[in-house]
Amino acid sequence: MEAAHDYCVVLVTTPSLENAQQLARVLVSEHLAACCNVVPTVYSYFSWKQALHEAQEALLIIKTARERLAELERRVSELHPYDVPEIIALPLEASAAPYLQWLGEVLRPE
């Protein structure tokens, strides 16, 4: 039986919808993510190099196994145009058993 704590949700912002879609396709096709949701528009306000910045970005919501997290982070960093991409993993506390089973099936290393 799959346990919720074996999985996490990862948030990644990107500079464009197209970039988010490209990342989603790669991560799912390489089995680093079971699912990626793309939120096409988020407004980000952040400090970078001692200045306030505002940007319209896309947000990826990625579901993955904790054991695949380091590989996912490496792959996102390779493909992402930002010098310091946002890659934030949040623990999965609970989920429906059929969904956890599906995650386990999709994310098993080949």
C-alpha atoms as a PDB file:
ATOM      1  CA  MET A   1       0.000   0.000   0.000  1.00  0.00           C
ATOM      2  CA  GLU A   2       1.277   3.440  -0.937  1.00  0.00           C
ATOM      3  CA  ALA A   3       1.755   6.023   1.822  1.00  0.00           C
ATOM      4  CA  ALA A   4       1.043   9.736   1.302  1.00  0.00           C
ATOM      5  CA  HIS A   5       4.344  10.747   2.923  1.00  0.00           C
ATOM      6  CA  ASP A   6       6.214   8.972   0.091  1.00  0.00           C
ATOM      7  CA  TYR A   7       5.062  11.728  -2.269  1.00  0.00           C
ATOM      8  CA  CYS A   8       5.229  15.499  -2.524  1.00  0.00           C
ATOM      9  CA  VAL A   9       3.880  18.438  -4.479  1.00  0.00           C
ATOM     10  CA  VAL A  10       6.502  20.629  -6.122  1.00  0.00           C
ATOM     11  CA  LEU A  11       5.921  24.244  -7.146  1.00  0.00           C
ATOM     12  CA  VAL A  12       7.968  25.714 -10.001  1.00  0.00           C
ATOM     13  CA  THR A  13       7.405  29.127 -11.571  1.00  0.00           C
ATOM     14  CA  THR A  14       8.464  29.774 -15.162  1.00  0.00           C
ATOM     15  CA  PRO A  15       8.667  32.902 -17.307  1.00  0.00           C
ATOM     16  CA  SER A  16       6.023  31.733 -19.791  1.00  0.00           C
ATOM     17  CA  LEU A  17       3.195  29.318 -20.426  1.00  0.00           C
ATOM     18  CA  GLU A  18       5.237  27.713 -23.212  1.00  0.00           C
ATOM     19  CA  ASN A  19       8.162  27.060 -20.886  1.00  0.00           C
ATOM     20  CA  ALA A  20       5.861  25.540 -18.257  1.00  0.00           C
ATOM     21  CA  GLN A  21       4.271  23.283 -20.876  1.00  0.00           C
ATOM     22  CA  GLN A  22       7.676  22.146 -22.126  1.00  0.00           C
ATOM     23  CA  LEU A  23       8.831  21.327 -18.592  1.00  0.00           C
ATOM     24  CA  ALA A  24       5.589  19.473 -17.861  1.00  0.00           C
ATOM     25  CA  ARG A  25       5.933  17.322 -20.975  1.00  0.00           C
ATOM     26  CA  VAL A  26       9.540  16.407 -20.174  1.00  0.00           C
ATOM     27  CA  LEU A  27       8.922  15.640 -16.497  1.00  0.00           C
ATOM     28  CA  VAL A  28       5.911  13.425 -17.186  1.00  0.00           C
ATOM     29  CA  SER A  29       7.469  11.653 -20.178  1.00  0.00           C
ATOM     30  CA  GLU A  30      10.618  10.906 -18.144  1.00  0.00           C
ATOM     31  CA  HIS A  31       8.494   9.612 -15.209  1.00  0.00           C
ATOM     32  CA  LEU A  32       9.881  12.253 -12.877  1.00  0.00           C
ATOM     33  CA  ALA A  33       6.334  13.512 -12.364  1.00  0.00           C
ATOM     34  CA  ALA A  34       3.063  11.626 -12.393  1.00  0.00           C
ATOM     35  CA  CYS A  35       1.163  14.796 -13.187  1.00  0.00           C
ATOM     36  CA  CYS A  36       1.863  18.470 -13.783  1.00  0.00           C
ATOM     37  CA  ASN A  37      -0.801  21.123 -13.593  1.00  0.00           C
ATOM     38  CA  VAL A  38      -0.026  24.402 -15.326  1.00  0.00           C
ATOM     39  CA  VAL A  39      -1.532  27.608 -14.000  1.00  0.00           C
ATOM     40  CA  PRO A  40      -0.999  29.944 -16.952  1.00  0.00           C
ATOM     41  CA  THR A  41      -0.818  33.241 -15.106  1.00  0.00           C
ATOM     42  CA  VAL A  42       0.455  34.164 -11.669  1.00  0.00           C
ATOM     43  CA  TYR A  43       1.761  37.555 -10.653  1.00  0.00           C
ATOM     44  CA  SER A  44       5.029  37.329  -8.759  1.00  0.00           C
ATOM     45  CA  TYR A  45       6.668  40.001  -6.620  1.00  0.00           C
ATOM     46  CA  PHE A  46      10.176  39.173  -5.468  1.00  0.00           C
ATOM     47  CA  SER A  47      13.519  40.577  -4.451  1.00  0.00           C
ATOM     48  CA  TRP A  48      16.383  39.872  -6.863  1.00  0.00           C
ATOM     49  CA  LYS A  49      19.822  41.473  -6.675  1.00  0.00           C
ATOM     50  CA  GLN A  50      18.620  43.934  -4.054  1.00  0.00           C
ATOM     51  CA  ALA A  51      15.709  45.224  -6.122  1.00  0.00           C
ATOM     52  CA  LEU A  52      11.980  44.619  -6.140  1.00  0.00           C
ATOM     53  CA  HIS A  53      10.790  42.848  -9.271  1.00  0.00           C
ATOM     54  CA  GLU A  54       7.329  42.109 -10.608  1.00  0.00           C
ATOM     55  CA  ALA A  55       6.689  39.422 -13.216  1.00  0.00           C
ATOM     56  CA  GLN A  56       3.849  37.616 -14.846  1.00  0.00           C
ATOM     57  CA  GLU A  57       4.752  33.920 -14.723  1.00  0.00           C
ATOM     58  CA  ALA A  58       3.260  30.468 -15.176  1.00  0.00           C
ATOM     59  CA  LEU A  59       3.139  28.034 -12.260  1.00  0.00           C
ATOM     60  CA  LEU A  60       3.749  24.295 -12.440  1.00  0.00           C
ATOM     61  CA  ILE A  61       2.170  22.153  -9.729  1.00  0.00           C
ATOM     62  CA  ILE A  62       4.020  18.838  -9.913  1.00  0.00           C
ATOM     63  CA  LYS A  63       3.156  15.572  -8.179  1.00  0.00           C
ATOM     64  CA  THR A  64       6.128  13.261  -7.641  1.00  0.00           C
ATOM     65  CA  ALA A  65       7.711  10.704  -5.338  1.00  0.00           C
ATOM     66  CA  ARG A  66      10.112  11.970  -2.701  1.00  0.00           C
ATOM     67  CA  GLU A  67      12.665   9.470  -3.979  1.00  0.00           C
ATOM     68  CA  ARG A  68      12.534  11.150  -7.421  1.00  0.00           C
ATOM     69  CA  LEU A  69      12.825  14.689  -6.042  1.00  0.00           C
ATOM     70  CA  ALA A  70      16.599  15.129  -6.488  1.00  0.00           C
ATOM     71  CA  GLU A  71      16.415  13.918 -10.083  1.00  0.00           C
ATOM     72  CA  LEU A  72      13.416  16.160 -10.769  1.00  0.00           C
ATOM     73  CA  GLU A  73      15.273  19.153  -9.309  1.00  0.00           C
ATOM     74  CA  ARG A  74      18.324  18.401 -11.475  1.00  0.00           C
ATOM     75  CA  ARG A  75      16.194  18.114 -14.624  1.00  0.00           C
ATOM     76  CA  VAL A  76      14.228  21.300 -13.932  1.00  0.00           C
ATOM     77  CA  SER A  77      17.489  23.167 -13.305  1.00  0.00           C
ATOM     78  CA  GLU A  78      18.893  21.910 -16.627  1.00  0.00           C
ATOM     79  CA  LEU A  79      15.864  23.034 -18.628  1.00  0.00           C
ATOM     80  CA  HIS A  80      14.832  26.174 -16.769  1.00  0.00           C
ATOM     81  CA  PRO A  81      15.868  29.586 -18.139  1.00  0.00           C
ATOM     82  CA  TYR A  82      16.222  31.240 -14.702  1.00  0.00           C
ATOM     83  CA  ASP A  83      19.601  31.357 -12.928  1.00  0.00           C
ATOM     84  CA  VAL A  84      17.818  30.349  -9.715  1.00  0.00           C
ATOM     85  CA  PRO A  85      14.551  28.570 -10.492  1.00  0.00           C
ATOM     86  CA  GLU A  86      11.951  28.274  -7.779  1.00  0.00           C
ATOM     87  CA  ILE A  87      11.703  24.596  -6.847  1.00  0.00           C
ATOM     88  CA  ILE A  88       9.708  24.156  -3.644  1.00  0.00           C
ATOM     89  CA  ALA A  89       8.638  20.705  -2.437  1.00  0.00           C
ATOM     90  CA  LEU A  90       5.703  20.394  -0.060  1.00  0.00           C
ATOM     91  CA  PRO A  91       5.005  17.128   1.763  1.00  0.00           C
ATOM     92  CA  LEU A  92       1.863  15.240   0.870  1.00  0.00           C
ATOM     93  CA  GLU A  93       0.016  14.643   4.118  1.00  0.00           C
ATOM     94  CA  ALA A  94      -2.958  12.681   2.847  1.00  0.00           C
ATOM     95  CA  SER A  95      -4.604  11.543  -0.357  1.00  0.00           C
ATOM     96  CA  ALA A  96      -7.236   9.130  -1.598  1.00  0.00           C
ATOM     97  CA  ALA A  97      -5.914   5.561  -1.725  1.00  0.00           C
ATOM     98  CA  PRO A  98      -6.633   5.084  -5.464  1.00  0.00           C
ATOM     99  CA  TYR A  99      -4.708   8.264  -6.280  1.00  0.00           C
ATOM    100  CA  LEU A 100      -1.730   7.114  -4.187  1.00  0.00           C
ATOM    101  CA  GLN A 101      -1.814   3.763  -5.958  1.00  0.00           C
ATOM    102  CA  TRP A 102      -1.785   5.517  -9.333  1.00  0.00           C
ATOM    103  CA  LEU A 103       1.150   7.713  -8.258  1.00  0.00           C
ATOM    104  CA  GLY A 104       3.090   4.625  -7.254  1.00  0.00           C
ATOM    105  CA  GLU A 105       2.420   2.891 -10.558  1.00  0.00           C
ATOM    106  CA  VAL A 106       3.354   5.881 -12.724  1.00  0.00           C
ATOM    107  CA  LEU A 107       6.481   6.876 -10.807  1.00  0.00           C
ATOM    108  CA  ARG A 108       8.163   3.489 -10.451  1.00  0.00           C
ATOM    109  CA  PRO A 109      11.606   3.699 -12.017  1.00  0.00           C
ATOM    110  CA  GLU A 110      11.761   1.701 -15.213  1.00  0.00           C
END
